[in-house]
PDB file of N, CA and C in Angstrom:
ATOM      1  N   MET A   1     -44.335 125.903  89.802  1.00  0.00           N
ATOM      2  CA  MET A   1     -45.188 126.992  89.342  1.00  0.00           C
ATOM      3  C   MET A   1     -46.520 126.405  88.893  1.00  0.00           C
ATOM      4  N   ALA A   2     -47.570 127.117  89.144  1.00  0.00           N
ATOM      5  CA  ALA A   2     -48.922 126.682  88.799  1.00  0.00           C
ATOM      6  C   ALA A   2     -49.146 126.732  87.290  1.00  0.00           C
ATOM      7  N   GLU A   3     -50.151 125.991  86.859  1.00  0.00           N
ATOM      8  CA  GLU A   3     -50.517 126.011  85.440  1.00  0.00           C
ATOM      9  C   GLU A   3     -51.018 127.393  85.048  1.00  0.00           C
ATOM     10  N   PRO A   4     -50.919 127.743  83.767  1.00  0.00           N
ATOM     11  CA  PRO A   4     -51.389 129.061  83.319  1.00  0.00           C
ATOM     12  C   PRO A   4     -52.892 129.256  83.544  1.00  0.00           C
ATOM     13  N   ILE A   5     -53.260 130.483  83.855  1.00  0.00           N
ATOM     14  CA  ILE A   5     -54.662 130.865  83.975  1.00  0.00           C
ATOM     15  C   ILE A   5     -55.223 130.919  82.554  1.00  0.00           C
ATOM     16  N   LYS A   6     -56.395 130.347  82.374  1.00  0.00           N
ATOM     17  CA  LYS A   6     -57.031 130.376  81.056  1.00  0.00           C
ATOM     18  C   LYS A   6     -58.026 131.525  81.030  1.00  0.00           C
ATOM     19  N   ILE A   7     -57.849 132.424  80.074  1.00  0.00           N
ATOM     20  CA  ILE A   7     -58.690 133.608  79.946  1.00  0.00           C
ATOM     21  C   ILE A   7     -59.367 133.571  78.582  1.00  0.00           C
ATOM     22  N   ARG A   8     -60.685 133.655  78.568  1.00  0.00           N
ATOM     23  CA  ARG A   8     -61.432 133.713  77.315  1.00  0.00           C
ATOM     24  C   ARG A   8     -62.348 134.931  77.391  1.00  0.00           C
ATOM     25  N   ALA A   9     -62.184 135.829  76.441  1.00  0.00           N
ATOM     26  CA  ALA A   9     -63.010 137.037  76.399  1.00  0.00           C
ATOM     27  C   ALA A   9     -63.722 137.094  75.057  1.00  0.00           C
ATOM     28  N   THR A  10     -65.033 137.343  75.106  1.00  0.00           N
ATOM     29  CA  THR A  10     -65.856 137.375  73.908  1.00  0.00           C
ATOM     30  C   THR A  10     -66.589 138.705  73.831  1.00  0.00           C
ATOM     31  N   LEU A  11     -66.374 139.423  72.739  1.00  0.00           N
ATOM     32  CA  LEU A  11     -67.090 140.680  72.509  1.00  0.00           C
ATOM     33  C   LEU A  11     -68.510 140.365  72.046  1.00  0.00           C
ATOM     34  N   GLN A  12     -69.495 140.977  72.699  1.00  0.00           N
ATOM     35  CA  GLN A  12     -70.899 140.808  72.329  1.00  0.00           C
ATOM     36  C   GLN A  12     -71.518 142.200  72.286  1.00  0.00           C
ATOM     37  N   GLY A  13     -71.351 142.887  71.159  1.00  0.00           N
ATOM     38  CA  GLY A  13     -71.791 144.282  71.076  1.00  0.00           C
ATOM     39  C   GLY A  13     -70.870 145.153  71.913  1.00  0.00           C
ATOM     40  N   ASP A  14     -71.447 145.933  72.841  1.00  0.00           N
ATOM     41  CA  ASP A  14     -70.607 146.770  73.708  1.00  0.00           C
ATOM     42  C   ASP A  14     -70.283 146.081  75.034  1.00  0.00           C
ATOM     43  N   ILE A  15     -70.712 144.820  75.197  1.00  0.00           N
ATOM     44  CA  ILE A  15     -70.444 144.040  76.405  1.00  0.00           C
ATOM     45  C   ILE A  15     -69.409 142.960  76.077  1.00  0.00           C
ATOM     46  N   THR A  16     -68.457 142.783  76.967  1.00  0.00           N
ATOM     47  CA  THR A  16     -67.467 141.717  76.820  1.00  0.00           C
ATOM     48  C   THR A  16     -67.669 140.713  77.942  1.00  0.00           C
ATOM     49  N   GLU A  17     -67.835 139.439  77.583  1.00  0.00           N
ATOM     50  CA  GLU A  17     -67.899 138.388  78.587  1.00  0.00           C
ATOM     51  C   GLU A  17     -66.483 137.855  78.776  1.00  0.00           C
ATOM     52  N   ILE A  18     -66.016 137.856  80.020  1.00  0.00           N
ATOM     53  CA  ILE A  18     -64.675 137.385  80.350  1.00  0.00           C
ATOM     54  C   ILE A  18     -64.824 136.161  81.247  1.00  0.00           C
ATOM     55  N   ARG A  19     -64.284 135.036  80.772  1.00  0.00           N
ATOM     56  CA  ARG A  19     -64.309 133.798  81.569  1.00  0.00           C
ATOM     57  C   ARG A  19     -62.878 133.470  81.962  1.00  0.00           C
ATOM     58  N   VAL A  20     -62.713 133.121  83.232  1.00  0.00           N
ATOM     59  CA  VAL A  20     -61.384 132.885  83.788  1.00  0.00           C
ATOM     60  C   VAL A  20     -61.376 131.537  84.508  1.00  0.00           C
ATOM     61  N   LEU A  21     -60.462 130.642  84.095  1.00  0.00           N
ATOM     62  CA  LEU A  21     -60.260 129.364  84.768  1.00  0.00           C
ATOM     63  C   LEU A  21     -58.892 129.416  85.431  1.00  0.00           C
ATOM     64  N   MET A  22     -58.875 129.276  86.761  1.00  0.00           N
ATOM     65  CA  MET A  22     -57.626 129.356  87.524  1.00  0.00           C
ATOM     66  C   MET A  22     -57.266 127.973  88.066  1.00  0.00           C
ATOM     67  N   PRO A  23     -56.405 127.228  87.361  1.00  0.00           N
ATOM     68  CA  PRO A  23     -56.013 125.913  87.867  1.00  0.00           C
ATOM     69  C   PRO A  23     -55.316 126.028  89.221  1.00  0.00           C
ATOM     70  N   HIS A  24     -55.864 125.347  90.227  1.00  0.00           N
ATOM     71  CA  HIS A  24     -55.305 125.392  91.581  1.00  0.00           C
ATOM     72  C   HIS A  24     -55.944 124.270  92.390  1.00  0.00           C
ATOM     73  N   PRO A  25     -55.176 123.591  93.274  1.00  0.00           N
ATOM     74  CA  PRO A  25     -55.740 122.468  94.041  1.00  0.00           C
ATOM     75  C   PRO A  25     -56.797 122.869  95.081  1.00  0.00           C
ATOM     76  N   MET A  26     -56.735 124.077  95.616  1.00  0.00           N
ATOM     77  CA  MET A  26     -57.732 124.592  96.557  1.00  0.00           C
ATOM     78  C   MET A  26     -58.020 123.606  97.696  1.00  0.00           C
ATOM     79  N   GLU A  27     -57.012 123.295  98.479  1.00  0.00           N
ATOM     80  CA  GLU A  27     -57.173 122.371  99.610  1.00  0.00           C
ATOM     81  C   GLU A  27     -57.774 123.100 100.819  1.00  0.00           C
ATOM     82  N   THR A  28     -58.775 122.469 101.438  1.00  0.00           N
ATOM     83  CA  THR A  28     -59.493 123.082 102.566  1.00  0.00           C
ATOM     84  C   THR A  28     -58.788 122.902 103.906  1.00  0.00           C
ATOM     85  N   GLY A  29     -57.897 121.921 103.998  1.00  0.00           N
ATOM     86  CA  GLY A  29     -57.267 121.611 105.283  1.00  0.00           C
ATOM     87  C   GLY A  29     -58.089 120.617 106.085  1.00  0.00           C
ATOM     88  N   GLN A  30     -59.134 120.052 105.474  1.00  0.00           N
ATOM     89  CA  GLN A  30     -59.993 119.087 106.163  1.00  0.00           C
ATOM     90  C   GLN A  30     -59.877 117.679 105.584  1.00  0.00           C
ATOM     91  N   ARG A  31     -59.245 117.558 104.431  1.00  0.00           N
ATOM     92  CA  ARG A  31     -59.111 116.260 103.765  1.00  0.00           C
ATOM     93  C   ARG A  31     -57.876 115.538 104.288  1.00  0.00           C
ATOM     94  N   ARG A  32     -57.974 114.229 104.386  1.00  0.00           N
ATOM     95  CA  ARG A  32     -56.822 113.420 104.820  1.00  0.00           C
ATOM     96  C   ARG A  32     -56.202 112.728 103.612  1.00  0.00           C
ATOM     97  N   ASP A  33     -54.873 112.635 103.642  1.00  0.00           N
ATOM     98  CA  ASP A  33     -54.146 111.909 102.606  1.00  0.00           C
ATOM     99  C   ASP A  33     -54.498 110.432 102.745  1.00  0.00           C
ATOM    100  N   PRO A  34     -54.936 109.778 101.657  1.00  0.00           N
ATOM    101  CA  PRO A  34     -55.357 108.380 101.764  1.00  0.00           C
ATOM    102  C   PRO A  34     -54.226 107.417 102.145  1.00  0.00           C
ATOM    103  N   GLU A  35     -52.991 107.746 101.814  1.00  0.00           N
ATOM    104  CA  GLU A  35     -51.872 106.846 102.109  1.00  0.00           C
ATOM    105  C   GLU A  35     -51.356 107.021 103.532  1.00  0.00           C
ATOM    106  N   SER A  36     -51.129 108.273 103.946  1.00  0.00           N
ATOM    107  CA  SER A  36     -50.538 108.514 105.262  1.00  0.00           C
ATOM    108  C   SER A  36     -51.570 108.746 106.355  1.00  0.00           C
ATOM    109  N   GLY A  37     -52.768 109.155 105.965  1.00  0.00           N
ATOM    110  CA  GLY A  37     -53.798 109.456 106.960  1.00  0.00           C
ATOM    111  C   GLY A  37     -53.654 110.839 107.577  1.00  0.00           C
ATOM    112  N   LYS A  38     -52.604 111.571 107.184  1.00  0.00           N
ATOM    113  CA  LYS A  38     -52.389 112.917 107.717  1.00  0.00           C
ATOM    114  C   LYS A  38     -53.278 113.925 106.995  1.00  0.00           C
ATOM    115  N   VAL A  39     -53.626 114.990 107.712  1.00  0.00           N
ATOM    116  CA  VAL A  39     -54.431 116.047 107.134  1.00  0.00           C
ATOM    117  C   VAL A  39     -53.614 116.776 106.076  1.00  0.00           C
ATOM    118  N   VAL A  40     -54.211 116.978 104.893  1.00  0.00           N
ATOM    119  CA  VAL A  40     -53.556 117.734 103.820  1.00  0.00           C
ATOM    120  C   VAL A  40     -53.646 119.209 104.206  1.00  0.00           C
ATOM    121  N   PRO A  41     -52.515 119.918 104.258  1.00  0.00           N
ATOM    122  CA  PRO A  41     -52.521 121.319 104.701  1.00  0.00           C
ATOM    123  C   PRO A  41     -53.379 122.229 103.818  1.00  0.00           C
ATOM    124  N   THR A  42     -53.912 123.264 104.432  1.00  0.00           N
ATOM    125  CA  THR A  42     -54.690 124.271 103.719  1.00  0.00           C
ATOM    126  C   THR A  42     -53.831 124.905 102.629  1.00  0.00           C
ATOM    127  N   HIS A  43     -54.415 125.041 101.442  1.00  0.00           N
ATOM    128  CA  HIS A  43     -53.712 125.664 100.320  1.00  0.00           C
ATOM    129  C   HIS A  43     -54.763 126.150  99.330  1.00  0.00           C
ATOM    130  N   PHE A  44     -55.038 127.452  99.327  1.00  0.00           N
ATOM    131  CA  PHE A  44     -56.081 127.978  98.446  1.00  0.00           C
ATOM    132  C   PHE A  44     -55.729 129.383  97.985  1.00  0.00           C
ATOM    133  N   ILE A  45     -56.375 129.816  96.920  1.00  0.00           N
ATOM    134  CA  ILE A  45     -56.192 131.170  96.407  1.00  0.00           C
ATOM    135  C   ILE A  45     -56.844 132.129  97.398  1.00  0.00           C
ATOM    136  N   GLN A  46     -56.083 133.098  97.875  1.00  0.00           N
ATOM    137  CA  GLN A  46     -56.615 134.072  98.830  1.00  0.00           C
ATOM    138  C   GLN A  46     -57.158 135.310  98.124  1.00  0.00           C
ATOM    139  N   THR A  47     -56.408 135.828  97.158  1.00  0.00           N
ATOM    140  CA  THR A  47     -56.831 137.047  96.474  1.00  0.00           C
ATOM    141  C   THR A  47     -56.661 136.883  94.971  1.00  0.00           C
ATOM    142  N   PHE A  48     -57.503 137.581  94.220  1.00  0.00           N
ATOM    143  CA  PHE A  48     -57.361 137.598  92.773  1.00  0.00           C
ATOM    144  C   PHE A  48     -57.784 138.964  92.266  1.00  0.00           C
ATOM    145  N   SER A  49     -57.326 139.290  91.070  1.00  0.00           N
ATOM    146  CA  SER A  49     -57.745 140.544  90.437  1.00  0.00           C
ATOM    147  C   SER A  49     -57.813 140.342  88.926  1.00  0.00           C
ATOM    148  N   LEU A  50     -58.682 141.128  88.316  1.00  0.00           N
ATOM    149  CA  LEU A  50     -58.876 141.137  86.870  1.00  0.00           C
ATOM    150  C   LEU A  50     -58.763 142.581  86.423  1.00  0.00           C
ATOM    151  N   SER A  51     -57.898 142.841  85.448  1.00  0.00           N
ATOM    152  CA  SER A  51     -57.737 144.209  84.965  1.00  0.00           C
ATOM    153  C   SER A  51     -57.721 144.222  83.444  1.00  0.00           C
ATOM    154  N   ALA A  52     -58.049 145.392  82.897  1.00  0.00           N
ATOM    155  CA  ALA A  52     -58.007 145.599  81.456  1.00  0.00           C
ATOM    156  C   ALA A  52     -57.165 146.831  81.199  1.00  0.00           C
ATOM    157  N   ASN A  53     -56.112 146.661  80.410  1.00  0.00           N
ATOM    158  CA  ASN A  53     -55.201 147.770  80.082  1.00  0.00           C
ATOM    159  C   ASN A  53     -54.664 148.453  81.337  1.00  0.00           C
ATOM    160  N   GLY A  54     -54.416 147.669  82.383  1.00  0.00           N
ATOM    161  CA  GLY A  54     -53.859 148.196  83.627  1.00  0.00           C
ATOM    162  C   GLY A  54     -54.880 148.797  84.577  1.00  0.00           C
ATOM    163  N   ASN A  55     -56.150 148.834  84.181  1.00  0.00           N
ATOM    164  CA  ASN A  55     -57.208 149.376  85.040  1.00  0.00           C
ATOM    165  C   ASN A  55     -57.945 148.228  85.728  1.00  0.00           C
ATOM    166  N   LEU A  56     -58.006 148.276  87.050  1.00  0.00           N
ATOM    167  CA  LEU A  56     -58.655 147.226  87.817  1.00  0.00           C
ATOM    168  C   LEU A  56     -60.148 147.174  87.511  1.00  0.00           C
ATOM    169  N   LEU A  57     -60.640 145.988  87.141  1.00  0.00           N
ATOM    170  CA  LEU A  57     -62.068 145.779  86.905  1.00  0.00           C
ATOM    171  C   LEU A  57     -62.723 145.059  88.078  1.00  0.00           C
ATOM    172  N   VAL A  58     -62.048 144.020  88.593  1.00  0.00           N
ATOM    173  CA  VAL A  58     -62.594 143.198  89.674  1.00  0.00           C
ATOM    174  C   VAL A  58     -61.452 142.751  90.569  1.00  0.00           C
ATOM    175  N   SER A  59     -61.693 142.750  91.878  1.00  0.00           N
ATOM    176  CA  SER A  59     -60.753 142.117  92.805  1.00  0.00           C
ATOM    177  C   SER A  59     -61.579 141.394  93.853  1.00  0.00           C
ATOM    178  N   GLY A  60     -61.021 140.358  94.405  1.00  0.00           N
ATOM    179  CA  GLY A  60     -61.783 139.601  95.390  1.00  0.00           C
ATOM    180  C   GLY A  60     -60.905 138.744  96.270  1.00  0.00           C
ATOM    181  N   GLN A  61     -61.542 138.226  97.308  1.00  0.00           N
ATOM    182  CA  GLN A  61     -60.893 137.317  98.234  1.00  0.00           C
ATOM    183  C   GLN A  61     -61.647 135.994  98.204  1.00  0.00           C
ATOM    184  N   LEU A  62     -60.910 134.904  98.221  1.00  0.00           N
ATOM    185  CA  LEU A  62     -61.500 133.571  98.229  1.00  0.00           C
ATOM    186  C   LEU A  62     -61.161 132.895  99.548  1.00  0.00           C
ATOM    187  N   ASN A  63     -61.815 131.760  99.800  1.00  0.00           N
ATOM    188  CA  ASN A  63     -61.502 130.985 101.001  1.00  0.00           C
ATOM    189  C   ASN A  63     -61.627 129.505 100.681  1.00  0.00           C
ATOM    190  N   THR A  64     -61.695 128.684 101.690  1.00  0.00           N
ATOM    191  CA  THR A  64     -61.678 127.234 101.495  1.00  0.00           C
ATOM    192  C   THR A  64     -62.968 126.692 100.883  1.00  0.00           C
ATOM    193  N   SER A  65     -64.008 127.492 100.782  1.00  0.00           N
ATOM    194  CA  SER A  65     -65.274 126.991 100.234  1.00  0.00           C
ATOM    195  C   SER A  65     -65.306 126.997  98.706  1.00  0.00           C
ATOM    196  N   ILE A  66     -64.277 127.504  98.050  1.00  0.00           N
ATOM    197  CA  ILE A  66     -64.221 127.539  96.581  1.00  0.00           C
ATOM    198  C   ILE A  66     -63.616 126.225  96.078  1.00  0.00           C
ATOM    199  N   SER A  67     -64.204 125.656  95.046  1.00  0.00           N
ATOM    200  CA  SER A  67     -63.768 124.360  94.533  1.00  0.00           C
ATOM    201  C   SER A  67     -62.421 124.431  93.820  1.00  0.00           C
ATOM    202  N   ARG A  68     -61.858 123.258  93.593  1.00  0.00           N
ATOM    203  CA  ARG A  68     -60.610 123.127  92.835  1.00  0.00           C
ATOM    204  C   ARG A  68     -60.814 123.713  91.440  1.00  0.00           C
ATOM    205  N   ASN A  69     -59.785 124.348  90.905  1.00  0.00           N
ATOM    206  CA  ASN A  69     -59.802 124.941  89.565  1.00  0.00           C
ATOM    207  C   ASN A  69     -61.013 125.856  89.356  1.00  0.00           C
ATOM    208  N   PRO A  70     -61.119 126.915  90.151  1.00  0.00           N
ATOM    209  CA  PRO A  70     -62.310 127.773  90.053  1.00  0.00           C
ATOM    210  C   PRO A  70     -62.455 128.445  88.690  1.00  0.00           C
ATOM    211  N   LEU A  71     -63.721 128.554  88.261  1.00  0.00           N
ATOM    212  CA  LEU A  71     -64.080 129.198  87.010  1.00  0.00           C
ATOM    213  C   LEU A  71     -64.999 130.370  87.341  1.00  0.00           C
ATOM    214  N   PHE A  72     -64.650 131.558  86.848  1.00  0.00           N
ATOM    215  CA  PHE A  72     -65.455 132.756  87.074  1.00  0.00           C
ATOM    216  C   PHE A  72     -65.789 133.383  85.735  1.00  0.00           C
ATOM    217  N   ALA A  73     -66.936 134.068  85.682  1.00  0.00           N
ATOM    218  CA  ALA A  73     -67.333 134.806  84.482  1.00  0.00           C
ATOM    219  C   ALA A  73     -67.725 136.221  84.905  1.00  0.00           C
ATOM    220  N   PHE A  74     -67.291 137.194  84.120  1.00  0.00           N
ATOM    221  CA  PHE A  74     -67.561 138.601  84.389  1.00  0.00           C
ATOM    222  C   PHE A  74     -68.015 139.262  83.094  1.00  0.00           C
ATOM    223  N   HIS A  75     -68.728 140.366  83.218  1.00  0.00           N
ATOM    224  CA  HIS A  75     -69.128 141.162  82.062  1.00  0.00           C
ATOM    225  C   HIS A  75     -68.569 142.566  82.245  1.00  0.00           C
ATOM    226  N   ALA A  76     -68.059 143.137  81.156  1.00  0.00           N
ATOM    227  CA  ALA A  76     -67.478 144.485  81.207  1.00  0.00           C
ATOM    228  C   ALA A  76     -67.940 145.268  79.981  1.00  0.00           C
ATOM    229  N   LYS A  77     -68.102 146.561  80.171  1.00  0.00           N
ATOM    230  CA  LYS A  77     -68.459 147.454  79.065  1.00  0.00           C
ATOM    231  C   LYS A  77     -67.226 148.252  78.654  1.00  0.00           C
ATOM    232  N   GLY A  78     -67.223 148.673  77.385  1.00  0.00           N
ATOM    233  CA  GLY A  78     -66.199 149.601  76.920  1.00  0.00           C
ATOM    234  C   GLY A  78     -64.890 148.986  76.471  1.00  0.00           C
ATOM    235  N   LEU A  79     -64.797 147.673  76.423  1.00  0.00           N
ATOM    236  CA  LEU A  79     -63.568 147.047  75.939  1.00  0.00           C
ATOM    237  C   LEU A  79     -63.653 146.891  74.428  1.00  0.00           C
ATOM    238  N   LYS A  80     -62.484 146.786  73.803  1.00  0.00           N
ATOM    239  CA  LYS A  80     -62.444 146.638  72.354  1.00  0.00           C
ATOM    240  C   LYS A  80     -61.307 145.701  71.966  1.00  0.00           C
ATOM    241  N   ALA A  81     -61.329 145.255  70.727  1.00  0.00           N
ATOM    242  CA  ALA A  81     -60.271 144.380  70.220  1.00  0.00           C
ATOM    243  C   ALA A  81     -58.918 145.054  70.425  1.00  0.00           C
ATOM    244  N   GLY A  82     -57.945 144.270  70.888  1.00  0.00           N
ATOM    245  CA  GLY A  82     -56.603 144.783  71.144  1.00  0.00           C
ATOM    246  C   GLY A  82     -56.351 145.120  72.603  1.00  0.00           C
ATOM    247  N   ASP A  83     -57.415 145.230  73.406  1.00  0.00           N
ATOM    248  CA  ASP A  83     -57.235 145.514  74.830  1.00  0.00           C
ATOM    249  C   ASP A  83     -56.578 144.315  75.515  1.00  0.00           C
ATOM    250  N   ARG A  84     -55.759 144.598  76.522  1.00  0.00           N
ATOM    251  CA  ARG A  84     -55.065 143.549  77.274  1.00  0.00           C
ATOM    252  C   ARG A  84     -55.816 143.264  78.569  1.00  0.00           C
ATOM    253  N   ILE A  85     -56.118 141.994  78.779  1.00  0.00           N
ATOM    254  CA  ILE A  85     -56.795 141.565  79.996  1.00  0.00           C
ATOM    255  C   ILE A  85     -55.801 140.762  80.821  1.00  0.00           C
ATOM    256  N   ALA A  86     -55.686 141.091  82.095  1.00  0.00           N
ATOM    257  CA  ALA A  86     -54.747 140.409  82.979  1.00  0.00           C
ATOM    258  C   ALA A  86     -55.488 139.867  84.196  1.00  0.00           C
ATOM    259  N   VAL A  87     -55.114 138.652  84.599  1.00  0.00           N
ATOM    260  CA  VAL A  87     -55.659 138.034  85.805  1.00  0.00           C
ATOM    261  C   VAL A  87     -54.474 137.639  86.675  1.00  0.00           C
ATOM    262  N   GLU A  88     -54.605 137.941  87.965  1.00  0.00           N
ATOM    263  CA  GLU A  88     -53.526 137.641  88.918  1.00  0.00           C
ATOM    264  C   GLU A  88     -54.133 137.036  90.173  1.00  0.00           C
ATOM    265  N   TRP A  89     -53.435 136.038  90.762  1.00  0.00           N
ATOM    266  CA  TRP A  89     -53.862 135.521  92.044  1.00  0.00           C
ATOM    267  C   TRP A  89     -52.661 135.306  92.952  1.00  0.00           C
ATOM    268  N   ALA A  90     -52.941 135.222  94.260  1.00  0.00           N
ATOM    269  CA  ALA A  90     -51.939 134.892  95.278  1.00  0.00           C
ATOM    270  C   ALA A  90     -52.586 133.887  96.226  1.00  0.00           C
ATOM    271  N   ASP A  91     -51.818 132.872  96.643  1.00  0.00           N
ATOM    272  CA  ASP A  91     -52.416 131.852  97.506  1.00  0.00           C
ATOM    273  C   ASP A  91     -51.792 131.838  98.907  1.00  0.00           C
ATOM    274  N   THR A  92     -52.255 130.899  99.725  1.00  0.00           N
ATOM    275  CA  THR A  92     -51.860 130.836 101.135  1.00  0.00           C
ATOM    276  C   THR A  92     -50.408 130.414 101.333  1.00  0.00           C
ATOM    277  N   LYS A  93     -49.773 129.858 100.318  1.00  0.00           N
ATOM    278  CA  LYS A  93     -48.362 129.474 100.422  1.00  0.00           C
ATOM    279  C   LYS A  93     -47.436 130.563  99.890  1.00  0.00           C
ATOM    280  N   GLY A  94     -48.017 131.686  99.468  1.00  0.00           N
ATOM    281  CA  GLY A  94     -47.209 132.774  98.933  1.00  0.00           C
ATOM    282  C   GLY A  94     -46.955 132.673  97.441  1.00  0.00           C
ATOM    283  N   ASP A  95     -47.498 131.628  96.807  1.00  0.00           N
ATOM    284  CA  ASP A  95     -47.355 131.504  95.354  1.00  0.00           C
ATOM    285  C   ASP A  95     -48.224 132.553  94.678  1.00  0.00           C
ATOM    286  N   LYS A  96     -47.766 133.025  93.520  1.00  0.00           N
ATOM    287  CA  LYS A  96     -48.515 134.020  92.750  1.00  0.00           C
ATOM    288  C   LYS A  96     -48.505 133.613  91.290  1.00  0.00           C
ATOM    289  N   ARG A  97     -49.510 134.060  90.588  1.00  0.00           N
ATOM    290  CA  ARG A  97     -49.590 133.789  89.162  1.00  0.00           C
ATOM    291  C   ARG A  97     -50.218 134.998  88.472  1.00  0.00           C
ATOM    292  N   LEU A  98     -49.669 135.398  87.332  1.00  0.00           N
ATOM    293  CA  LEU A  98     -50.200 136.489  86.517  1.00  0.00           C
ATOM    294  C   LEU A  98     -50.173 136.046  85.065  1.00  0.00           C
ATOM    295  N   ASP A  99     -51.329 136.110  84.412  1.00  0.00           N
ATOM    296  CA  ASP A  99     -51.402 135.783  82.990  1.00  0.00           C
ATOM    297  C   ASP A  99     -52.216 136.856  82.291  1.00  0.00           C
ATOM    298  N   GLU A 100     -51.903 137.048  81.005  1.00  0.00           N
ATOM    299  CA  GLU A 100     -52.581 138.073  80.205  1.00  0.00           C
ATOM    300  C   GLU A 100     -53.090 137.477  78.906  1.00  0.00           C
ATOM    301  N   ALA A 101     -54.109 138.136  78.351  1.00  0.00           N
ATOM    302  CA  ALA A 101     -54.642 137.779  77.039  1.00  0.00           C
ATOM    303  C   ALA A 101     -55.008 139.059  76.325  1.00  0.00           C
ATOM    304  N   VAL A 102     -54.944 139.017  75.003  1.00  0.00           N
ATOM    305  CA  VAL A 102     -55.338 140.171  74.189  1.00  0.00           C
ATOM    306  C   VAL A 102     -56.726 139.890  73.633  1.00  0.00           C
ATOM    307  N   LEU A 103     -57.616 140.845  73.800  1.00  0.00           N
ATOM    308  CA  LEU A 103     -58.982 140.716  73.323  1.00  0.00           C
ATOM    309  C   LEU A 103     -59.001 140.799  71.800  1.00  0.00           C
ATOM    310  N   THR A 104     -59.616 139.809  71.169  1.00  0.00           N
ATOM    311  CA  THR A 104     -59.702 139.795  69.706  1.00  0.00           C
ATOM    312  C   THR A 104     -61.156 139.954  69.273  1.00  0.00           C
ATOM    313  N   ALA A 105     -61.347 140.490  68.095  1.00  0.00           N
ATOM    314  CA  ALA A 105     -62.693 140.670  67.555  1.00  0.00           C
ATOM    315  C   ALA A 105     -63.229 139.338  67.064  1.00  0.00           C
ATOM    316  N   GLY A 106     -64.538 139.106  67.326  1.00  0.00           N
ATOM    317  CA  GLY A 106     -65.291 137.952  66.833  1.00  0.00           C
ATOM    318  C   GLY A 106     -64.498 136.736  66.783  1.00  0.00           C
TER     319      GLY A 106
END
């Protein structure tokens, strides 16, 4: 199982900044293993979503051009302390990860 997604949300007035770090190797399929010389198979996050209290805020598709352990930042209006933020991803090997955080004041 992959490492937990790190979610940091900061209330700034009526705007919430949400930063998401998704630990993942993000292999392009172009790198060779230094020991065997064989091509390391493609393995990357294909889809991700960000929701607050079960309502979808952002969804997207990634490809091999995204770096290892991608970090994204989003801004949302109308969130408040106590709201639940969830991030989910699925990768090319069928692995999935879902993590949640509760928004806290200041």
